[in-house]
Amino acid sequence: YDEKGSKYLTTMRRLIPVRDDLINLQQEFKFLSDQIGLSSSLQFTGEAAPDAGGVGILKFTLTVSGTPTKLFSFVERLSAFRYLNRIEGVSFNQGSSTGNSEMQIKGAVFFRKNT
């Protein structure tokens, strides 16, 4: 059991980082949006510390601007982000004749206690 369990534990540690590993989260989201030609801004909106044996959450609002196709591609990439996250809500504002639209994503990234 130890051998099988250690494989899962390694995966969980990659998916759920310690809080300090999230220090570059803003740059990581920017890199993700830049890859497909979107502009983005991130605002942290709250944090809940991990309880005994549990995980904490870092809440955010991420605003991205670009074409509708690229915006929805971004949501797909975010769902495959390297850290475990939850998208809590998405609002979409259709752009003008220029073709640019804006999407606001409210979500959270999970983190664990330092061990």
C-alpha atoms as a PDB file:
ATOM      1  CA  TYR A   1       0.000   0.000   0.000  1.00  0.00           C
ATOM      2  CA  ASP A   2       2.827   2.412   0.759  1.00  0.00           C
ATOM      3  CA  GLU A   3       4.166   2.202  -2.796  1.00  0.00           C
ATOM      4  CA  LYS A   4       0.773   2.840  -4.385  1.00  0.00           C
ATOM      5  CA  GLY A   5      -0.071   5.580  -1.920  1.00  0.00           C
ATOM      6  CA  SER A   6       3.189   7.430  -2.445  1.00  0.00           C
ATOM      7  CA  LYS A   7       2.423   7.805  -6.174  1.00  0.00           C
ATOM      8  CA  TYR A   8      -0.862   9.514  -5.349  1.00  0.00           C
ATOM      9  CA  LEU A   9       0.727  11.667  -2.677  1.00  0.00           C
ATOM     10  CA  THR A  10       3.311  12.955  -5.158  1.00  0.00           C
ATOM     11  CA  THR A  11       0.558  13.844  -7.627  1.00  0.00           C
ATOM     12  CA  MET A  12      -1.479  15.584  -4.928  1.00  0.00           C
ATOM     13  CA  ARG A  13       1.537  17.636  -3.867  1.00  0.00           C
ATOM     14  CA  ARG A  14       2.007  18.809  -7.454  1.00  0.00           C
ATOM     15  CA  LEU A  15      -1.651  19.734  -7.841  1.00  0.00           C
ATOM     16  CA  ILE A  16      -2.047  21.376  -4.440  1.00  0.00           C
ATOM     17  CA  PRO A  17       1.030  23.476  -3.660  1.00  0.00           C
ATOM     18  CA  VAL A  18       2.002  25.096  -0.383  1.00  0.00           C
ATOM     19  CA  ARG A  19       0.903  28.740  -0.111  1.00  0.00           C
ATOM     20  CA  ASP A  20       4.405  30.083  -0.752  1.00  0.00           C
ATOM     21  CA  ASP A  21       4.515  28.327  -4.145  1.00  0.00           C
ATOM     22  CA  LEU A  22       1.641  30.545  -5.334  1.00  0.00           C
ATOM     23  CA  ILE A  23       3.782  33.691  -5.163  1.00  0.00           C
ATOM     24  CA  ASN A  24       4.082  33.774  -8.972  1.00  0.00           C
ATOM     25  CA  LEU A  25       0.429  32.992  -9.668  1.00  0.00           C
ATOM     26  CA  GLN A  26      -0.188  36.364 -11.301  1.00  0.00           C
ATOM     27  CA  GLN A  27       2.715  35.846 -13.725  1.00  0.00           C
ATOM     28  CA  GLU A  28       1.548  32.297 -14.480  1.00  0.00           C
ATOM     29  CA  PHE A  29      -1.947  33.488 -15.404  1.00  0.00           C
ATOM     30  CA  LYS A  30      -0.420  36.272 -17.515  1.00  0.00           C
ATOM     31  CA  PHE A  31       1.815  33.773 -19.308  1.00  0.00           C
ATOM     32  CA  LEU A  32      -1.228  31.586 -19.982  1.00  0.00           C
ATOM     33  CA  SER A  33      -3.168  34.503 -21.482  1.00  0.00           C
ATOM     34  CA  ASP A  34      -0.172  35.853 -23.435  1.00  0.00           C
ATOM     35  CA  GLN A  35       0.291  32.476 -25.115  1.00  0.00           C
ATOM     36  CA  ILE A  36      -2.954  32.932 -27.008  1.00  0.00           C
ATOM     37  CA  GLY A  37      -2.826  36.693 -27.462  1.00  0.00           C
ATOM     38  CA  LEU A  38      -5.108  37.920 -24.671  1.00  0.00           C
ATOM     39  CA  SER A  39      -4.601  40.785 -22.272  1.00  0.00           C
ATOM     40  CA  SER A  40      -5.310  39.977 -18.630  1.00  0.00           C
ATOM     41  CA  SER A  41      -5.429  41.387 -15.134  1.00  0.00           C
ATOM     42  CA  LEU A  42      -5.683  39.534 -11.846  1.00  0.00           C
ATOM     43  CA  GLN A  43      -7.102  40.638  -8.532  1.00  0.00           C
ATOM     44  CA  PHE A  44      -6.933  38.532  -5.367  1.00  0.00           C
ATOM     45  CA  THR A  45     -10.255  38.690  -3.546  1.00  0.00           C
ATOM     46  CA  GLY A  46      -9.819  36.542  -0.449  1.00  0.00           C
ATOM     47  CA  GLU A  47      -8.092  33.697   1.271  1.00  0.00           C
ATOM     48  CA  ALA A  48      -9.080  30.912   3.633  1.00  0.00           C
ATOM     49  CA  ALA A  49      -6.293  29.127   5.493  1.00  0.00           C
ATOM     50  CA  PRO A  50      -6.208  25.331   5.513  1.00  0.00           C
ATOM     51  CA  ASP A  51      -7.873  23.672   8.448  1.00  0.00           C
ATOM     52  CA  ALA A  52      -6.448  20.568  10.112  1.00  0.00           C
ATOM     53  CA  GLY A  53      -5.832  18.040   7.361  1.00  0.00           C
ATOM     54  CA  GLY A  54      -7.562  20.165   4.748  1.00  0.00           C
ATOM     55  CA  VAL A  55      -6.717  22.655   2.065  1.00  0.00           C
ATOM     56  CA  GLY A  56      -6.908  26.425   1.897  1.00  0.00           C
ATOM     57  CA  ILE A  57      -8.165  28.545  -0.968  1.00  0.00           C
ATOM     58  CA  LEU A  58      -6.908  31.698  -2.597  1.00  0.00           C
ATOM     59  CA  LYS A  59      -9.798  33.473  -4.359  1.00  0.00           C
ATOM     60  CA  PHE A  60      -9.290  35.626  -7.421  1.00  0.00           C
ATOM     61  CA  THR A  61     -10.997  37.564 -10.177  1.00  0.00           C
ATOM     62  CA  LEU A  62      -9.266  37.277 -13.516  1.00  0.00           C
ATOM     63  CA  THR A  63     -10.268  39.576 -16.375  1.00  0.00           C
ATOM     64  CA  VAL A  64      -9.176  38.671 -19.896  1.00  0.00           C
ATOM     65  CA  SER A  65      -9.808  40.571 -23.139  1.00  0.00           C
ATOM     66  CA  GLY A  66      -9.667  39.412 -26.740  1.00  0.00           C
ATOM     67  CA  THR A  67     -11.712  37.654 -29.385  1.00  0.00           C
ATOM     68  CA  PRO A  68     -14.491  35.329 -28.215  1.00  0.00           C
ATOM     69  CA  THR A  69     -12.712  32.297 -29.699  1.00  0.00           C
ATOM     70  CA  LYS A  70      -9.513  33.057 -27.776  1.00  0.00           C
ATOM     71  CA  LEU A  71     -11.445  33.739 -24.570  1.00  0.00           C
ATOM     72  CA  PHE A  72     -13.123  30.350 -24.629  1.00  0.00           C
ATOM     73  CA  SER A  73      -9.796  28.726 -25.485  1.00  0.00           C
ATOM     74  CA  PHE A  74      -8.397  30.405 -22.378  1.00  0.00           C
ATOM     75  CA  VAL A  75     -11.106  28.846 -20.195  1.00  0.00           C
ATOM     76  CA  GLU A  76     -10.142  25.420 -21.554  1.00  0.00           C
ATOM     77  CA  ARG A  77      -6.480  26.089 -20.726  1.00  0.00           C
ATOM     78  CA  LEU A  78      -7.404  27.308 -17.267  1.00  0.00           C
ATOM     79  CA  SER A  79      -9.292  24.082 -16.588  1.00  0.00           C
ATOM     80  CA  ALA A  80      -6.040  22.212 -17.323  1.00  0.00           C
ATOM     81  CA  PHE A  81      -3.913  24.583 -15.215  1.00  0.00           C
ATOM     82  CA  ARG A  82      -1.104  22.918 -13.279  1.00  0.00           C
ATOM     83  CA  TYR A  83      -2.627  23.714  -9.876  1.00  0.00           C
ATOM     84  CA  LEU A  84      -5.988  22.479  -8.696  1.00  0.00           C
ATOM     85  CA  ASN A  85      -8.491  25.298  -9.182  1.00  0.00           C
ATOM     86  CA  ARG A  86     -12.205  25.962  -9.221  1.00  0.00           C
ATOM     87  CA  ILE A  87     -14.023  28.316 -11.550  1.00  0.00           C
ATOM     88  CA  GLU A  88     -16.897  29.763  -9.538  1.00  0.00           C
ATOM     89  CA  GLY A  89     -18.388  32.074 -12.141  1.00  0.00           C
ATOM     90  CA  VAL A  90     -17.830  33.533 -15.581  1.00  0.00           C
ATOM     91  CA  SER A  91     -19.301  36.675 -17.094  1.00  0.00           C
ATOM     92  CA  PHE A  92     -18.874  37.508 -20.760  1.00  0.00           C
ATOM     93  CA  ASN A  93     -19.281  40.930 -22.361  1.00  0.00           C
ATOM     94  CA  GLN A  94     -19.515  40.957 -26.139  1.00  0.00           C
ATOM     95  CA  GLY A  95     -17.209  43.543 -27.635  1.00  0.00           C
ATOM     96  CA  SER A  96     -17.899  46.221 -30.165  1.00  0.00           C
ATOM     97  CA  SER A  97     -17.305  46.002 -33.904  1.00  0.00           C
ATOM     98  CA  THR A  98     -13.558  45.645 -33.234  1.00  0.00           C
ATOM     99  CA  GLY A  99     -14.180  42.039 -32.251  1.00  0.00           C
ATOM    100  CA  ASN A 100     -12.659  42.248 -28.768  1.00  0.00           C
ATOM    101  CA  SER A 101     -14.716  41.014 -25.856  1.00  0.00           C
ATOM    102  CA  GLU A 102     -14.081  40.732 -22.126  1.00  0.00           C
ATOM    103  CA  MET A 103     -14.480  37.796 -19.796  1.00  0.00           C
ATOM    104  CA  GLN A 104     -14.382  37.989 -16.027  1.00  0.00           C
ATOM    105  CA  ILE A 105     -13.584  34.736 -14.254  1.00  0.00           C
ATOM    106  CA  LYS A 106     -14.111  34.318 -10.529  1.00  0.00           C
ATOM    107  CA  GLY A 107     -12.339  31.352  -9.064  1.00  0.00           C
ATOM    108  CA  ALA A 108     -10.015  29.882  -6.486  1.00  0.00           C
ATOM    109  CA  VAL A 109      -6.737  28.004  -6.355  1.00  0.00           C
ATOM    110  CA  PHE A 110      -6.213  25.451  -3.606  1.00  0.00           C
ATOM    111  CA  PHE A 111      -3.142  25.228  -1.378  1.00  0.00           C
ATOM    112  CA  ARG A 112      -1.975  23.077   1.529  1.00  0.00           C
ATOM    113  CA  LYS A 113      -0.103  23.643   4.771  1.00  0.00           C
ATOM    114  CA  ASN A 114       3.670  23.622   4.730  1.00  0.00           C
ATOM    115  CA  THR A 115       4.811  20.155   5.771  1.00  0.00           C
END
